[in-house]
Amino acid sequence: MLNKIRNEVMVQDDEPLTGQVEIDEMSVDGRPRKAHGQGQLATAGVNRRSEAMKLRERSRATVFAAVERGGRVKATVLPSRRGPGLQAQAIEWIDPRSIVYTDEWPAYNRLHRHFAAHSRVRHSTGEYVIGDVHTNTIEGFFGNLKTGIQGNYKKVSHKWLQGYLNEFTWRYNHRNDGRAMFHLLVSRAATIERAS
């Protein structure tokens, strides 16, 4: 039942995010395990580290999210935090007239071509806020997501992660509605039932 609620009632809307939008990604750790049929890890040196890093990356899920400052959030699971997937998702979700804020991750390098402006903070050099350039809003959402999953659910399988993202984005997007979230959820379920 909870799976149906997360994936049918708490679905994210299709409206583009507008205004000042922060985007970021995070990895949700899984337990690194060797796949069946793989040999032993190399016993020493760089080869052992690189094999361990590959195992660790395969065991992680990438969560990508975008948030309007003072508004809505969207989040999804992507196959990797590398390559064009992050950029393509940002272009799909965000109105081109928006101002986008990110960190220095290389996957965001070409975003300035698609939006009114693109500003970055460089966390690697200790920059976190420069005037209104920051990613604190999206980092706050990720903090709530991580502690919510660890505190309520302990561990979430990557298979069901998108449903939990739907739940946390729904909660975030309805935080200021003024009605109890349970009543909003029941109203939404009744509307969906009448439509089908």
N, C-alpha and C. Protein backbone atom coordinates (compact mmCIF):
# COMPACT_ATOMS: atom_id res chain seq x y z
N MET A 1 0.83 -1.19 0.00
CA MET A 1 0.00 0.00 0.00
C MET A 1 0.87 1.26 0.00
N LEU A 2 1.89 1.28 0.86
CA LEU A 2 2.76 2.46 0.91
C LEU A 2 3.49 2.66 -0.42
N ASN A 3 3.86 1.57 -1.07
CA ASN A 3 4.51 1.67 -2.37
C ASN A 3 3.58 2.33 -3.39
N LYS A 4 2.29 1.94 -3.40
CA LYS A 4 1.33 2.54 -4.31
C LYS A 4 1.12 4.02 -3.99
N ILE A 5 1.07 4.37 -2.72
CA ILE A 5 0.91 5.77 -2.33
C ILE A 5 2.10 6.59 -2.83
N ARG A 6 3.32 6.10 -2.61
CA ARG A 6 4.51 6.85 -3.02
C ARG A 6 4.61 7.00 -4.53
N ASN A 7 4.20 5.97 -5.27
CA ASN A 7 4.42 5.98 -6.72
C ASN A 7 3.20 6.38 -7.53
N GLU A 8 2.04 6.53 -6.89
CA GLU A 8 0.86 6.94 -7.63
C GLU A 8 0.23 8.22 -7.08
N VAL A 9 0.27 8.40 -5.77
CA VAL A 9 -0.36 9.58 -5.16
C VAL A 9 0.65 10.70 -4.95
N MET A 10 1.87 10.35 -4.58
CA MET A 10 2.89 11.36 -4.28
C MET A 10 3.79 11.64 -5.49
N VAL A 11 3.31 11.42 -6.69
CA VAL A 11 4.13 11.65 -7.88
C VAL A 11 4.47 13.13 -8.02
N GLN A 12 5.61 13.39 -8.62
CA GLN A 12 6.07 14.76 -8.81
C GLN A 12 5.39 15.38 -10.03
N ASP A 13 5.15 16.70 -9.97
CA ASP A 13 4.45 17.35 -11.08
C ASP A 13 5.40 17.61 -12.25
N ASP A 14 4.81 18.00 -13.39
CA ASP A 14 5.57 18.24 -14.62
C ASP A 14 5.89 19.71 -14.84
N GLU A 15 5.41 20.59 -13.96
CA GLU A 15 5.67 22.02 -14.12
C GLU A 15 7.15 22.32 -13.97
N PRO A 16 7.73 23.13 -14.87
CA PRO A 16 9.16 23.44 -14.73
C PRO A 16 9.45 24.29 -13.50
N LEU A 17 10.64 24.11 -12.95
CA LEU A 17 11.10 24.95 -11.86
C LEU A 17 11.54 26.28 -12.44
N THR A 18 11.29 27.38 -11.71
CA THR A 18 11.57 28.71 -12.24
C THR A 18 12.30 29.56 -11.20
N GLY A 19 12.78 30.71 -11.64
CA GLY A 19 13.42 31.68 -10.75
C GLY A 19 14.85 31.28 -10.45
N GLN A 20 15.20 31.32 -9.19
CA GLN A 20 16.53 30.91 -8.74
C GLN A 20 16.46 29.44 -8.35
N VAL A 21 17.22 28.60 -9.05
CA VAL A 21 17.13 27.15 -8.86
C VAL A 21 18.51 26.60 -8.53
N GLU A 22 18.58 25.85 -7.43
CA GLU A 22 19.81 25.19 -7.03
C GLU A 22 19.73 23.72 -7.45
N ILE A 23 20.82 23.20 -7.98
CA ILE A 23 20.85 21.79 -8.33
C ILE A 23 22.10 21.13 -7.74
N ASP A 24 21.96 19.85 -7.44
CA ASP A 24 23.07 19.10 -6.87
C ASP A 24 22.76 17.61 -6.98
N GLU A 25 23.74 16.81 -6.69
CA GLU A 25 23.58 15.36 -6.69
C GLU A 25 24.22 14.79 -5.44
N MET A 26 23.79 13.62 -5.07
CA MET A 26 24.41 12.92 -3.95
C MET A 26 24.39 11.43 -4.25
N SER A 27 25.28 10.71 -3.60
CA SER A 27 25.31 9.26 -3.73
C SER A 27 24.66 8.65 -2.50
N VAL A 28 23.82 7.67 -2.74
CA VAL A 28 23.22 6.91 -1.65
C VAL A 28 23.99 5.61 -1.60
N ASP A 29 24.68 5.39 -0.50
CA ASP A 29 25.57 4.24 -0.39
C ASP A 29 24.82 2.94 -0.29
N GLY A 30 25.39 1.97 -0.96
CA GLY A 30 25.01 0.58 -0.77
C GLY A 30 26.24 -0.11 -0.21
N ARG A 31 26.13 -1.36 0.05
CA ARG A 31 27.28 -2.09 0.56
C ARG A 31 28.09 -2.62 -0.62
N PRO A 32 29.37 -2.22 -0.73
CA PRO A 32 30.16 -2.70 -1.86
C PRO A 32 30.35 -4.20 -1.79
N ARG A 33 29.95 -4.88 -2.84
CA ARG A 33 30.11 -6.34 -2.90
C ARG A 33 30.67 -6.71 -4.27
N LYS A 34 31.42 -7.77 -4.29
CA LYS A 34 31.91 -8.27 -5.57
C LYS A 34 30.77 -8.96 -6.29
N ALA A 35 30.72 -8.76 -7.61
CA ALA A 35 29.73 -9.47 -8.42
C ALA A 35 30.19 -10.93 -8.54
N HIS A 36 29.22 -11.84 -8.74
CA HIS A 36 29.58 -13.24 -8.90
C HIS A 36 30.48 -13.40 -10.11
N GLY A 37 31.47 -14.26 -10.00
CA GLY A 37 32.36 -14.52 -11.10
C GLY A 37 33.58 -13.62 -11.14
N GLN A 38 33.64 -12.60 -10.30
CA GLN A 38 34.82 -11.75 -10.27
C GLN A 38 35.90 -12.41 -9.46
N GLY A 39 37.14 -12.19 -9.89
CA GLY A 39 38.26 -12.74 -9.16
C GLY A 39 38.51 -11.96 -7.89
N GLN A 40 39.51 -12.36 -7.15
CA GLN A 40 39.89 -11.66 -5.93
C GLN A 40 40.42 -10.28 -6.28
N LEU A 41 40.26 -9.34 -5.38
CA LEU A 41 40.87 -8.04 -5.58
C LEU A 41 42.38 -8.20 -5.61
N ALA A 42 43.03 -7.32 -6.39
CA ALA A 42 44.49 -7.34 -6.41
C ALA A 42 44.99 -7.13 -4.99
N THR A 43 46.10 -7.72 -4.66
CA THR A 43 46.54 -7.73 -3.27
C THR A 43 47.13 -6.42 -2.79
N ALA A 44 47.62 -5.57 -3.68
CA ALA A 44 48.25 -4.34 -3.19
C ALA A 44 48.24 -3.27 -4.27
N GLY A 45 48.45 -2.04 -3.81
CA GLY A 45 48.71 -0.94 -4.71
C GLY A 45 47.50 -0.34 -5.38
N VAL A 46 47.78 0.35 -6.49
CA VAL A 46 46.77 1.11 -7.22
C VAL A 46 45.67 0.22 -7.77
N ASN A 47 46.02 -0.97 -8.26
CA ASN A 47 45.00 -1.86 -8.81
C ASN A 47 43.94 -2.22 -7.78
N ARG A 48 44.36 -2.47 -6.56
CA ARG A 48 43.40 -2.82 -5.51
C ARG A 48 42.47 -1.64 -5.23
N ARG A 49 43.04 -0.45 -5.15
CA ARG A 49 42.21 0.73 -4.90
C ARG A 49 41.23 0.98 -6.03
N SER A 50 41.68 0.87 -7.28
CA SER A 50 40.78 1.15 -8.40
C SER A 50 39.67 0.10 -8.49
N GLU A 51 39.97 -1.16 -8.21
CA GLU A 51 38.92 -2.18 -8.21
C GLU A 51 37.93 -1.93 -7.08
N ALA A 52 38.43 -1.54 -5.92
CA ALA A 52 37.54 -1.24 -4.78
C ALA A 52 36.65 -0.04 -5.10
N MET A 53 37.22 0.97 -5.77
CA MET A 53 36.42 2.14 -6.14
C MET A 53 35.32 1.77 -7.13
N LYS A 54 35.64 0.88 -8.08
CA LYS A 54 34.62 0.44 -9.04
C LYS A 54 33.50 -0.32 -8.34
N LEU A 55 33.85 -1.19 -7.40
CA LEU A 55 32.83 -1.92 -6.64
C LEU A 55 31.96 -0.95 -5.85
N ARG A 56 32.60 0.04 -5.23
CA ARG A 56 31.85 1.01 -4.43
C ARG A 56 30.91 1.83 -5.30
N GLU A 57 31.38 2.26 -6.47
CA GLU A 57 30.52 3.05 -7.36
C GLU A 57 29.33 2.24 -7.85
N ARG A 58 29.55 0.96 -8.15
CA ARG A 58 28.43 0.11 -8.60
C ARG A 58 27.40 -0.08 -7.51
N SER A 59 27.79 0.02 -6.26
CA SER A 59 26.87 -0.22 -5.16
C SER A 59 26.13 1.05 -4.73
N ARG A 60 26.43 2.17 -5.37
CA ARG A 60 25.79 3.43 -5.01
C ARG A 60 24.71 3.79 -6.01
N ALA A 61 23.74 4.53 -5.54
CA ALA A 61 22.73 5.12 -6.42
C ALA A 61 22.96 6.63 -6.41
N THR A 62 22.78 7.26 -7.55
CA THR A 62 22.91 8.71 -7.64
C THR A 62 21.54 9.35 -7.56
N VAL A 63 21.37 10.27 -6.63
CA VAL A 63 20.14 11.05 -6.53
C VAL A 63 20.45 12.45 -7.02
N PHE A 64 19.68 12.91 -7.99
CA PHE A 64 19.81 14.25 -8.54
C PHE A 64 18.58 15.05 -8.14
N ALA A 65 18.78 16.28 -7.70
CA ALA A 65 17.64 17.10 -7.27
C ALA A 65 17.84 18.55 -7.66
N ALA A 66 16.72 19.25 -7.82
CA ALA A 66 16.71 20.68 -8.11
C ALA A 66 15.63 21.32 -7.26
N VAL A 67 15.92 22.50 -6.73
CA VAL A 67 14.95 23.19 -5.86
C VAL A 67 14.89 24.67 -6.21
N GLU A 68 13.66 25.19 -6.27
CA GLU A 68 13.45 26.63 -6.39
C GLU A 68 13.67 27.23 -5.01
N ARG A 69 14.37 28.32 -4.93
CA ARG A 69 14.51 28.98 -3.63
C ARG A 69 13.14 29.48 -3.20
N GLY A 70 12.69 28.99 -2.05
CA GLY A 70 11.37 29.35 -1.54
C GLY A 70 10.22 28.59 -2.19
N GLY A 71 10.53 27.59 -3.01
CA GLY A 71 9.48 26.89 -3.75
C GLY A 71 9.59 25.39 -3.70
N ARG A 72 9.40 24.78 -4.86
CA ARG A 72 9.29 23.32 -4.98
C ARG A 72 10.65 22.66 -5.22
N VAL A 73 10.65 21.34 -5.03
CA VAL A 73 11.83 20.53 -5.28
C VAL A 73 11.44 19.35 -6.17
N LYS A 74 12.37 18.88 -6.97
CA LYS A 74 12.21 17.65 -7.75
C LYS A 74 13.44 16.80 -7.51
N ALA A 75 13.25 15.49 -7.47
CA ALA A 75 14.38 14.57 -7.24
C ALA A 75 14.14 13.28 -8.00
N THR A 76 15.23 12.70 -8.50
CA THR A 76 15.14 11.44 -9.22
C THR A 76 16.42 10.65 -9.04
N VAL A 77 16.32 9.36 -9.34
CA VAL A 77 17.49 8.47 -9.32
C VAL A 77 18.04 8.43 -10.74
N LEU A 78 19.35 8.63 -10.87
CA LEU A 78 20.02 8.56 -12.17
C LEU A 78 21.03 7.41 -12.15
N PRO A 79 21.37 6.88 -13.32
CA PRO A 79 22.31 5.76 -13.36
C PRO A 79 23.72 6.13 -12.90
N SER A 80 24.11 7.40 -13.07
CA SER A 80 25.47 7.79 -12.72
C SER A 80 25.52 9.28 -12.46
N ARG A 81 26.50 9.70 -11.66
CA ARG A 81 26.70 11.13 -11.46
C ARG A 81 27.68 11.68 -12.48
N ARG A 82 28.11 10.85 -13.39
CA ARG A 82 29.05 11.26 -14.43
C ARG A 82 28.30 11.45 -15.74
N GLY A 83 28.94 12.15 -16.67
CA GLY A 83 28.41 12.27 -18.02
C GLY A 83 27.26 13.25 -18.14
N PRO A 84 26.57 13.18 -19.28
CA PRO A 84 25.55 14.18 -19.63
C PRO A 84 24.20 13.99 -18.94
N GLY A 85 24.01 12.93 -18.18
CA GLY A 85 22.70 12.67 -17.56
C GLY A 85 22.24 13.77 -16.63
N LEU A 86 23.16 14.32 -15.82
CA LEU A 86 22.78 15.40 -14.90
C LEU A 86 22.35 16.64 -15.67
N GLN A 87 23.11 17.00 -16.69
CA GLN A 87 22.79 18.18 -17.47
C GLN A 87 21.45 18.02 -18.18
N ALA A 88 21.22 16.86 -18.78
CA ALA A 88 19.96 16.61 -19.49
C ALA A 88 18.76 16.71 -18.54
N GLN A 89 18.91 16.19 -17.32
CA GLN A 89 17.81 16.24 -16.35
C GLN A 89 17.54 17.68 -15.93
N ALA A 90 18.59 18.47 -15.74
CA ALA A 90 18.42 19.88 -15.38
C ALA A 90 17.68 20.63 -16.48
N ILE A 91 18.05 20.39 -17.73
CA ILE A 91 17.40 21.05 -18.87
C ILE A 91 15.94 20.67 -18.95
N GLU A 92 15.62 19.40 -18.66
CA GLU A 92 14.24 18.94 -18.70
C GLU A 92 13.38 19.59 -17.62
N TRP A 93 13.93 19.76 -16.42
CA TRP A 93 13.16 20.22 -15.26
C TRP A 93 13.06 21.74 -15.13
N ILE A 94 14.02 22.49 -15.63
CA ILE A 94 14.15 23.90 -15.27
C ILE A 94 13.85 24.79 -16.47
N ASP A 95 13.05 25.84 -16.23
CA ASP A 95 12.73 26.84 -17.25
C ASP A 95 14.03 27.52 -17.70
N PRO A 96 14.22 27.70 -19.02
CA PRO A 96 15.47 28.30 -19.51
C PRO A 96 15.70 29.73 -19.05
N ARG A 97 14.66 30.43 -18.57
CA ARG A 97 14.83 31.81 -18.10
C ARG A 97 15.33 31.87 -16.65
N SER A 98 15.57 30.72 -16.05
CA SER A 98 15.97 30.64 -14.65
C SER A 98 17.46 30.91 -14.46
N ILE A 99 17.81 31.27 -13.23
CA ILE A 99 19.20 31.38 -12.80
C ILE A 99 19.52 30.11 -12.03
N VAL A 100 20.59 29.43 -12.41
CA VAL A 100 20.94 28.13 -11.83
C VAL A 100 22.19 28.28 -10.98
N TYR A 101 22.17 27.64 -9.81
CA TYR A 101 23.31 27.64 -8.89
C TYR A 101 23.75 26.19 -8.67
N THR A 102 25.05 25.94 -8.79
CA THR A 102 25.60 24.60 -8.60
C THR A 102 26.94 24.69 -7.88
N ASP A 103 27.48 23.53 -7.58
CA ASP A 103 28.87 23.47 -7.13
C ASP A 103 29.76 23.30 -8.37
N GLU A 104 31.02 22.97 -8.17
CA GLU A 104 31.96 22.92 -9.29
C GLU A 104 32.04 21.57 -10.01
N TRP A 105 31.12 20.65 -9.74
CA TRP A 105 31.16 19.34 -10.38
C TRP A 105 31.19 19.50 -11.90
N PRO A 106 32.13 18.82 -12.60
CA PRO A 106 32.31 19.02 -14.05
C PRO A 106 31.07 18.74 -14.91
N ALA A 107 30.17 17.91 -14.46
CA ALA A 107 28.96 17.62 -15.25
C ALA A 107 28.11 18.87 -15.46
N TYR A 108 28.33 19.92 -14.66
CA TYR A 108 27.55 21.15 -14.78
C TYR A 108 28.24 22.21 -15.64
N ASN A 109 29.36 21.88 -16.26
CA ASN A 109 30.18 22.88 -16.96
C ASN A 109 29.44 23.65 -18.05
N ARG A 110 28.55 23.03 -18.77
CA ARG A 110 27.92 23.70 -19.92
C ARG A 110 26.51 24.24 -19.64
N LEU A 111 26.10 24.28 -18.40
CA LEU A 111 24.74 24.73 -18.09
C LEU A 111 24.49 26.18 -18.48
N HIS A 112 25.54 27.00 -18.50
CA HIS A 112 25.36 28.41 -18.86
C HIS A 112 24.78 28.59 -20.26
N ARG A 113 24.90 27.59 -21.11
CA ARG A 113 24.36 27.65 -22.47
C ARG A 113 22.84 27.49 -22.50
N HIS A 114 22.26 26.95 -21.43
CA HIS A 114 20.85 26.59 -21.44
C HIS A 114 19.97 27.46 -20.55
N PHE A 115 20.59 28.27 -19.69
CA PHE A 115 19.81 29.06 -18.73
C PHE A 115 20.24 30.53 -18.77
N ALA A 116 19.42 31.38 -18.19
CA ALA A 116 19.71 32.82 -18.19
C ALA A 116 21.06 33.11 -17.55
N ALA A 117 21.39 32.38 -16.48
CA ALA A 117 22.69 32.54 -15.82
C ALA A 117 23.01 31.26 -15.06
N HIS A 118 24.29 31.03 -14.85
CA HIS A 118 24.75 29.87 -14.08
C HIS A 118 25.90 30.33 -13.20
N SER A 119 25.70 30.26 -11.89
CA SER A 119 26.74 30.63 -10.93
C SER A 119 27.12 29.41 -10.12
N ARG A 120 28.41 29.38 -9.69
CA ARG A 120 28.92 28.21 -8.99
C ARG A 120 29.66 28.61 -7.72
N VAL A 121 29.59 27.71 -6.75
CA VAL A 121 30.47 27.81 -5.58
C VAL A 121 31.49 26.69 -5.69
N ARG A 122 32.68 26.95 -5.22
CA ARG A 122 33.75 25.96 -5.30
C ARG A 122 34.02 25.41 -3.90
N HIS A 123 33.33 24.34 -3.57
CA HIS A 123 33.47 23.73 -2.26
C HIS A 123 34.90 23.24 -2.02
N SER A 124 35.58 22.82 -3.08
CA SER A 124 36.94 22.29 -2.93
C SER A 124 37.92 23.35 -2.43
N THR A 125 37.61 24.62 -2.64
CA THR A 125 38.49 25.69 -2.16
C THR A 125 37.94 26.37 -0.91
N GLY A 126 36.90 25.80 -0.34
CA GLY A 126 36.33 26.35 0.89
C GLY A 126 35.24 27.38 0.65
N GLU A 127 34.81 27.58 -0.60
CA GLU A 127 33.72 28.51 -0.89
C GLU A 127 32.38 27.80 -0.66
N TYR A 128 31.54 28.40 0.14
CA TYR A 128 30.20 27.84 0.34
C TYR A 128 29.11 28.87 0.07
N VAL A 129 29.38 30.14 0.34
CA VAL A 129 28.44 31.21 0.07
C VAL A 129 29.22 32.42 -0.41
N ILE A 130 28.81 32.95 -1.57
CA ILE A 130 29.36 34.21 -2.07
C ILE A 130 28.15 35.05 -2.46
N GLY A 131 27.74 35.97 -1.60
CA GLY A 131 26.52 36.74 -1.84
C GLY A 131 25.32 35.82 -1.88
N ASP A 132 24.61 35.83 -3.02
CA ASP A 132 23.45 34.93 -3.15
C ASP A 132 23.80 33.64 -3.89
N VAL A 133 25.08 33.40 -4.13
CA VAL A 133 25.51 32.18 -4.81
C VAL A 133 25.83 31.13 -3.75
N HIS A 134 24.98 30.11 -3.69
CA HIS A 134 25.17 29.00 -2.75
C HIS A 134 24.26 27.85 -3.16
N THR A 135 24.50 26.71 -2.55
CA THR A 135 23.63 25.54 -2.75
C THR A 135 23.07 25.05 -1.42
N ASN A 136 22.90 25.97 -0.49
CA ASN A 136 22.46 25.59 0.85
C ASN A 136 21.04 25.03 0.89
N THR A 137 20.15 25.51 0.03
CA THR A 137 18.77 25.04 0.03
C THR A 137 18.70 23.57 -0.38
N ILE A 138 19.40 23.22 -1.45
CA ILE A 138 19.37 21.83 -1.90
C ILE A 138 20.13 20.93 -0.94
N GLU A 139 21.20 21.44 -0.35
CA GLU A 139 21.92 20.66 0.67
C GLU A 139 21.03 20.40 1.88
N GLY A 140 20.19 21.38 2.24
CA GLY A 140 19.24 21.19 3.33
C GLY A 140 18.22 20.10 3.01
N PHE A 141 17.73 20.09 1.76
CA PHE A 141 16.80 19.03 1.35
C PHE A 141 17.48 17.67 1.46
N PHE A 142 18.72 17.57 0.96
CA PHE A 142 19.45 16.30 1.04
C PHE A 142 19.68 15.88 2.50
N GLY A 143 19.94 16.84 3.37
CA GLY A 143 20.12 16.52 4.78
C GLY A 143 18.86 15.92 5.37
N ASN A 144 17.69 16.52 5.07
CA ASN A 144 16.42 15.97 5.54
C ASN A 144 16.16 14.59 4.95
N LEU A 145 16.49 14.42 3.68
CA LEU A 145 16.29 13.13 3.03
C LEU A 145 17.14 12.04 3.70
N LYS A 146 18.42 12.31 3.91
CA LYS A 146 19.31 11.32 4.52
C LYS A 146 18.88 10.97 5.94
N THR A 147 18.63 11.99 6.76
CA THR A 147 18.25 11.69 8.15
C THR A 147 16.86 11.06 8.22
N GLY A 148 15.97 11.44 7.31
CA GLY A 148 14.64 10.84 7.29
C GLY A 148 14.68 9.37 6.93
N ILE A 149 15.48 9.03 5.94
CA ILE A 149 15.60 7.62 5.55
C ILE A 149 16.28 6.83 6.67
N GLN A 150 17.39 7.35 7.21
CA GLN A 150 18.10 6.62 8.26
C GLN A 150 17.26 6.52 9.53
N GLY A 151 16.54 7.58 9.87
CA GLY A 151 15.76 7.59 11.10
C GLY A 151 14.48 6.79 11.02
N ASN A 152 13.78 6.86 9.89
CA ASN A 152 12.49 6.17 9.76
C ASN A 152 12.59 4.79 9.16
N TYR A 153 13.41 4.67 8.12
CA TYR A 153 13.40 3.43 7.34
C TYR A 153 14.69 2.62 7.47
N LYS A 154 15.69 3.19 8.11
CA LYS A 154 17.00 2.56 8.33
C LYS A 154 17.78 2.40 7.04
N LYS A 155 17.25 1.68 6.07
CA LYS A 155 17.94 1.43 4.81
C LYS A 155 16.89 1.30 3.72
N VAL A 156 17.20 1.82 2.53
CA VAL A 156 16.27 1.76 1.41
C VAL A 156 16.98 1.08 0.24
N SER A 157 16.34 0.08 -0.33
CA SER A 157 16.88 -0.59 -1.50
C SER A 157 16.87 0.37 -2.68
N HIS A 158 17.87 0.29 -3.54
CA HIS A 158 17.91 1.14 -4.72
C HIS A 158 16.70 0.91 -5.61
N LYS A 159 16.16 -0.29 -5.59
CA LYS A 159 14.98 -0.63 -6.39
C LYS A 159 13.79 0.26 -6.03
N TRP A 160 13.65 0.60 -4.74
CA TRP A 160 12.49 1.36 -4.28
C TRP A 160 12.83 2.81 -3.96
N LEU A 161 14.05 3.24 -4.24
CA LEU A 161 14.50 4.57 -3.85
C LEU A 161 13.66 5.68 -4.46
N GLN A 162 13.25 5.55 -5.73
CA GLN A 162 12.46 6.62 -6.36
C GLN A 162 11.15 6.87 -5.60
N GLY A 163 10.52 5.82 -5.11
CA GLY A 163 9.29 6.01 -4.33
C GLY A 163 9.54 6.83 -3.07
N TYR A 164 10.65 6.57 -2.39
CA TYR A 164 10.99 7.35 -1.20
C TYR A 164 11.33 8.79 -1.57
N LEU A 165 11.97 9.00 -2.72
CA LEU A 165 12.22 10.37 -3.18
C LEU A 165 10.90 11.09 -3.45
N ASN A 166 9.94 10.37 -4.04
CA ASN A 166 8.61 10.96 -4.25
C ASN A 166 8.00 11.40 -2.93
N GLU A 167 8.12 10.56 -1.91
CA GLU A 167 7.56 10.89 -0.60
C GLU A 167 8.21 12.15 -0.01
N PHE A 168 9.54 12.21 -0.04
CA PHE A 168 10.22 13.35 0.56
C PHE A 168 10.03 14.63 -0.24
N THR A 169 9.95 14.53 -1.58
CA THR A 169 9.67 15.74 -2.35
C THR A 169 8.23 16.20 -2.12
N TRP A 170 7.30 15.26 -2.01
CA TRP A 170 5.90 15.62 -1.75
C TRP A 170 5.78 16.35 -0.40
N ARG A 171 6.45 15.82 0.61
CA ARG A 171 6.43 16.47 1.93
C ARG A 171 7.01 17.89 1.85
N TYR A 172 8.15 18.02 1.17
CA TYR A 172 8.80 19.32 1.04
C TYR A 172 7.89 20.30 0.29
N ASN A 173 7.30 19.85 -0.80
CA ASN A 173 6.48 20.73 -1.63
C ASN A 173 5.16 21.13 -0.99
N HIS A 174 4.73 20.41 0.04
CA HIS A 174 3.48 20.73 0.73
C HIS A 174 3.70 21.22 2.16
N ARG A 175 4.91 21.63 2.47
CA ARG A 175 5.25 22.03 3.83
C ARG A 175 4.52 23.30 4.26
N ASN A 176 4.12 24.14 3.33
CA ASN A 176 3.49 25.42 3.68
C ASN A 176 2.04 25.51 3.24
N ASP A 177 1.39 24.38 2.97
CA ASP A 177 0.01 24.41 2.46
C ASP A 177 -1.02 24.83 3.51
N GLY A 178 -0.70 24.72 4.77
CA GLY A 178 -1.65 25.13 5.80
C GLY A 178 -2.65 24.06 6.20
N ARG A 179 -2.69 22.94 5.50
CA ARG A 179 -3.56 21.82 5.86
C ARG A 179 -2.69 20.66 6.30
N ALA A 180 -3.26 19.79 7.09
CA ALA A 180 -2.53 18.59 7.51
C ALA A 180 -2.19 17.77 6.28
N MET A 181 -0.97 17.27 6.22
CA MET A 181 -0.53 16.52 5.04
C MET A 181 -1.38 15.28 4.82
N PHE A 182 -1.85 14.66 5.90
CA PHE A 182 -2.70 13.48 5.74
C PHE A 182 -3.97 13.83 4.97
N HIS A 183 -4.59 14.97 5.29
CA HIS A 183 -5.81 15.38 4.59
C HIS A 183 -5.51 15.68 3.11
N LEU A 184 -4.37 16.32 2.83
CA LEU A 184 -3.98 16.56 1.45
C LEU A 184 -3.79 15.26 0.68
N LEU A 185 -3.18 14.30 1.33
CA LEU A 185 -2.92 13.01 0.70
C LEU A 185 -4.22 12.28 0.41
N VAL A 186 -5.16 12.28 1.35
CA VAL A 186 -6.45 11.62 1.14
C VAL A 186 -7.22 12.32 0.02
N SER A 187 -7.18 13.65 -0.01
CA SER A 187 -7.86 14.39 -1.09
C SER A 187 -7.28 14.04 -2.44
N ARG A 188 -5.98 13.97 -2.51
CA ARG A 188 -5.30 13.63 -3.78
C ARG A 188 -5.66 12.21 -4.21
N ALA A 189 -5.67 11.27 -3.27
CA ALA A 189 -6.03 9.88 -3.60
C ALA A 189 -7.47 9.81 -4.11
N ALA A 190 -8.39 10.57 -3.49
CA ALA A 190 -9.79 10.57 -3.94
C ALA A 190 -9.90 11.16 -5.33
N THR A 191 -9.15 12.21 -5.63
CA THR A 191 -9.16 12.82 -6.96
C THR A 191 -8.66 11.84 -8.00
N ILE A 192 -7.59 11.12 -7.70
CA ILE A 192 -7.05 10.13 -8.63
C ILE A 192 -8.06 9.00 -8.85
N GLU A 193 -8.72 8.57 -7.79
CA GLU A 193 -9.70 7.49 -7.90
C GLU A 193 -10.86 7.90 -8.77
N ARG A 194 -11.36 9.14 -8.60
CA ARG A 194 -12.48 9.63 -9.43
C ARG A 194 -12.09 9.74 -10.89
N ALA A 195 -10.83 10.12 -11.14
CA ALA A 195 -10.37 10.29 -12.53
C ALA A 195 -10.20 8.96 -13.26
N SER A 196 -9.97 7.90 -12.50
CA SER A 196 -9.74 6.59 -13.17
C SER A 196 -10.97 5.76 -13.25
